Structures are given as C-alpha cells and as structure tokens.
Amino acid sequence: MGHLTIAIDFDDTFTADTQAWTQVIKVLQSFGHSVICVSARTDFEGNRRELLNALPDGVMVFLTGERQKSTFIQEQGFHVDIWIDDIPSAIPTKHDMESTLMFIKRLGD
C-alpha cells in the first residue's frame, strides 16, 4: 500500500468522538499516511488555534471559509485520497456535483 493523504473534518466528525478519532489518526500516521484536517470554518487565529490544540500532532489544518473543500485543498497544492466528513456534499468541486446530479437524473431518482 502506498502513502495516502486522508482528510478529516473537524466539527461533528472529529468532535463526534475525539478520543476514538485521535487513535485512528495515530494509527494512520504510524503506517506512514498523512492526515490533514479540512474544515469549512472561517480562517482566523482563534479557529486555527482551537483545531490545532484538539488534533493530534502532525495534523495540518486547512480552513476553507465555507468553500467546497476539494476545490480549496487543490488550490493549496494538495491531493486528498480519502475524505472523512459528516457532510459529504461539502467536499466535491462544483463540476463534480453537477456531474453527479446529471447521473442521478439519468437514473430517474
């Protein structure tokens, strides 16, 4: 298995069970994977400090200011292999969302 970049959301994902997610992140890191936190929160020092204090060491924090997470993270020069988020619709690019909607419409659902 190769190196993976895994993105986890903070509010209502990591915070749903901070002890469990901390252990999961540490296990992923022990296998050589990178874990980043991508939150839709506004990027200001108070938010950044709160997340950095709560997350395990080595987790980079990205605050999108309510932008689509995939678009934002690509603009930062990162590629995410696996997303963990309680609101999956916050992740895809606008183009990907439009493609998914067209697919659903073709299925008649």
C-alpha atoms as a PDB file:
ATOM      1  CA  MET A   1       0.000   0.000   0.000  1.00  0.00           C
ATOM      2  CA  GLY A   2       1.296   3.436  -0.893  1.00  0.00           C
ATOM      3  CA  HIS A   3       1.271   6.689   1.017  1.00  0.00           C
ATOM      4  CA  LEU A   4      -2.191   8.186   1.378  1.00  0.00           C
ATOM      5  CA  THR A   5      -3.397  11.645   2.277  1.00  0.00           C
ATOM      6  CA  ILE A   6      -6.533  11.424   4.391  1.00  0.00           C
ATOM      7  CA  ALA A   7      -8.647  14.481   5.176  1.00  0.00           C
ATOM      8  CA  ILE A   8     -10.911  14.585   8.212  1.00  0.00           C
ATOM      9  CA  ASP A   9     -13.496  17.220   9.007  1.00  0.00           C
ATOM     10  CA  PHE A  10     -13.456  18.756  12.478  1.00  0.00           C
ATOM     11  CA  ASP A  11     -16.963  19.798  13.613  1.00  0.00           C
ATOM     12  CA  ASP A  12     -19.307  16.832  14.119  1.00  0.00           C
ATOM     13  CA  THR A  13     -16.738  14.449  12.641  1.00  0.00           C
ATOM     14  CA  PHE A  14     -13.553  14.604  14.727  1.00  0.00           C
ATOM     15  CA  THR A  15     -15.524  16.179  17.576  1.00  0.00           C
ATOM     16  CA  ALA A  16     -18.111  13.367  17.489  1.00  0.00           C
ATOM     17  CA  ASP A  17     -15.586  11.194  19.359  1.00  0.00           C
ATOM     18  CA  THR A  18     -12.251  12.930  19.827  1.00  0.00           C
ATOM     19  CA  GLN A  19     -10.643  10.022  21.688  1.00  0.00           C
ATOM     20  CA  ALA A  20     -11.517   7.469  19.007  1.00  0.00           C
ATOM     21  CA  TRP A  21     -10.518   9.725  16.093  1.00  0.00           C
ATOM     22  CA  THR A  22      -7.244  10.617  17.823  1.00  0.00           C
ATOM     23  CA  GLN A  23      -6.370   6.913  17.999  1.00  0.00           C
ATOM     24  CA  VAL A  24      -7.425   6.358  14.372  1.00  0.00           C
ATOM     25  CA  ILE A  25      -5.258   9.278  13.222  1.00  0.00           C
ATOM     26  CA  LYS A  26      -2.252   7.980  15.184  1.00  0.00           C
ATOM     27  CA  VAL A  27      -2.640   4.527  13.626  1.00  0.00           C
ATOM     28  CA  LEU A  28      -2.858   6.021  10.124  1.00  0.00           C
ATOM     29  CA  GLN A  29       0.240   8.127  10.797  1.00  0.00           C
ATOM     30  CA  SER A  30       2.097   5.045  12.106  1.00  0.00           C
ATOM     31  CA  PHE A  31       1.509   3.425   8.701  1.00  0.00           C
ATOM     32  CA  GLY A  32       3.117   6.437   7.007  1.00  0.00           C
ATOM     33  CA  HIS A  33      -0.078   8.147   5.887  1.00  0.00           C
ATOM     34  CA  SER A  34      -0.654  11.888   6.135  1.00  0.00           C
ATOM     35  CA  VAL A  35      -3.762  13.119   7.920  1.00  0.00           C
ATOM     36  CA  ILE A  36      -4.957  16.665   7.385  1.00  0.00           C
ATOM     37  CA  CYS A  37      -7.964  18.446   8.837  1.00  0.00           C
ATOM     38  CA  VAL A  38     -10.128  20.353   6.359  1.00  0.00           C
ATOM     39  CA  SER A  39     -12.861  22.426   7.994  1.00  0.00           C
ATOM     40  CA  ALA A  40     -15.379  24.825   6.462  1.00  0.00           C
ATOM     41  CA  ARG A  41     -14.727  27.248   9.335  1.00  0.00           C
ATOM     42  CA  THR A  42     -13.521  30.778   8.670  1.00  0.00           C
ATOM     43  CA  ASP A  43      -9.745  31.113   8.699  1.00  0.00           C
ATOM     44  CA  PHE A  44      -8.873  33.219  11.701  1.00  0.00           C
ATOM     45  CA  GLU A  45      -6.401  32.636  14.515  1.00  0.00           C
ATOM     46  CA  GLY A  46      -8.957  31.567  17.143  1.00  0.00           C
ATOM     47  CA  ASN A  47     -10.377  28.812  14.931  1.00  0.00           C
ATOM     48  CA  ARG A  48      -6.931  27.654  13.832  1.00  0.00           C
ATOM     49  CA  ARG A  49      -5.653  27.527  17.418  1.00  0.00           C
ATOM     50  CA  GLU A  50      -8.719  25.575  18.629  1.00  0.00           C
ATOM     51  CA  LEU A  51      -8.287  22.897  15.958  1.00  0.00           C
ATOM     52  CA  LEU A  52      -4.521  22.610  16.383  1.00  0.00           C
ATOM     53  CA  ASN A  53      -4.940  22.201  20.151  1.00  0.00           C
ATOM     54  CA  ALA A  54      -7.561  19.460  19.749  1.00  0.00           C
ATOM     55  CA  LEU A  55      -5.972  17.421  16.948  1.00  0.00           C
ATOM     56  CA  PRO A  56      -3.022  15.045  17.354  1.00  0.00           C
ATOM     57  CA  ASP A  57       0.476  16.258  16.493  1.00  0.00           C
ATOM     58  CA  GLY A  58       1.357  16.261  12.810  1.00  0.00           C
ATOM     59  CA  VAL A  59      -2.137  17.086  11.521  1.00  0.00           C
ATOM     60  CA  MET A  60      -2.129  20.154   9.277  1.00  0.00           C
ATOM     61  CA  VAL A  61      -5.239  22.366   9.473  1.00  0.00           C
ATOM     62  CA  PHE A  62      -6.974  23.971   6.497  1.00  0.00           C
ATOM     63  CA  LEU A  63      -9.919  26.353   7.000  1.00  0.00           C
ATOM     64  CA  THR A  64     -11.931  26.865   3.811  1.00  0.00           C
ATOM     65  CA  GLY A  65     -14.225  29.697   4.863  1.00  0.00           C
ATOM     66  CA  GLU A  66     -17.264  27.682   3.706  1.00  0.00           C
ATOM     67  CA  ARG A  67     -15.848  26.940   0.243  1.00  0.00           C
ATOM     68  CA  GLN A  68     -16.085  23.478  -1.315  1.00  0.00           C
ATOM     69  CA  LYS A  69     -13.325  21.516   0.376  1.00  0.00           C
ATOM     70  CA  SER A  70     -11.958  19.693  -2.672  1.00  0.00           C
ATOM     71  CA  THR A  71     -11.595  22.906  -4.686  1.00  0.00           C
ATOM     72  CA  PHE A  72      -9.943  24.699  -1.777  1.00  0.00           C
ATOM     73  CA  ILE A  73      -7.472  21.918  -0.992  1.00  0.00           C
ATOM     74  CA  GLN A  74      -6.480  21.555  -4.657  1.00  0.00           C
ATOM     75  CA  GLU A  75      -5.743  25.297  -4.739  1.00  0.00           C
ATOM     76  CA  GLN A  76      -3.400  24.735  -1.774  1.00  0.00           C
ATOM     77  CA  GLY A  77      -1.464  22.180  -3.836  1.00  0.00           C
ATOM     78  CA  PHE A  78      -2.728  19.056  -2.072  1.00  0.00           C
ATOM     79  CA  HIS A  79      -4.438  15.909  -3.298  1.00  0.00           C
ATOM     80  CA  VAL A  80      -6.688  14.007  -0.901  1.00  0.00           C
ATOM     81  CA  ASP A  81      -7.062  10.262  -1.392  1.00  0.00           C
ATOM     82  CA  ILE A  82      -9.731   9.663   1.268  1.00  0.00           C
ATOM     83  CA  TRP A  83     -12.214  12.102   2.800  1.00  0.00           C
ATOM     84  CA  ILE A  84     -13.917  11.625   6.185  1.00  0.00           C
ATOM     85  CA  ASP A  85     -16.749  14.109   6.678  1.00  0.00           C
ATOM     86  CA  ASP A  86     -20.232  14.177   8.214  1.00  0.00           C
ATOM     87  CA  ILE A  87     -21.393  16.408   5.331  1.00  0.00           C
ATOM     88  CA  PRO A  88     -20.076  14.742   2.155  1.00  0.00           C
ATOM     89  CA  SER A  89     -21.707  17.376  -0.059  1.00  0.00           C
ATOM     90  CA  ALA A  90     -19.186  19.920   1.292  1.00  0.00           C
ATOM     91  CA  ILE A  91     -16.345  18.068  -0.436  1.00  0.00           C
ATOM     92  CA  PRO A  92     -16.787  17.801  -4.237  1.00  0.00           C
ATOM     93  CA  THR A  93     -15.991  20.535  -6.713  1.00  0.00           C
ATOM     94  CA  LYS A  94     -18.935  22.273  -8.348  1.00  0.00           C
ATOM     95  CA  HIS A  95     -18.209  20.369 -11.567  1.00  0.00           C
ATOM     96  CA  ASP A  96     -18.220  17.030  -9.749  1.00  0.00           C
ATOM     97  CA  MET A  97     -21.510  17.897  -8.051  1.00  0.00           C
ATOM     98  CA  GLU A  98     -23.089  18.837 -11.396  1.00  0.00           C
ATOM     99  CA  SER A  99     -21.877  15.565 -12.936  1.00  0.00           C
ATOM    100  CA  THR A 100     -23.315  13.587 -10.032  1.00  0.00           C
ATOM    101  CA  LEU A 101     -26.649  15.386 -10.335  1.00  0.00           C
ATOM    102  CA  MET A 102     -26.805  14.631 -14.077  1.00  0.00           C
ATOM    103  CA  PHE A 103     -26.083  10.957 -13.344  1.00  0.00           C
ATOM    104  CA  ILE A 104     -28.860  10.828 -10.740  1.00  0.00           C
ATOM    105  CA  LYS A 105     -31.317  12.471 -13.133  1.00  0.00           C
ATOM    106  CA  ARG A 106     -30.486   9.869 -15.815  1.00  0.00           C
ATOM    107  CA  LEU A 107     -31.286   7.121 -13.314  1.00  0.00           C
ATOM    108  CA  GLY A 108     -34.661   8.718 -12.674  1.00  0.00           C
ATOM    109  CA  ASP A 109     -34.184   9.011  -8.946  1.00  0.00           C
END
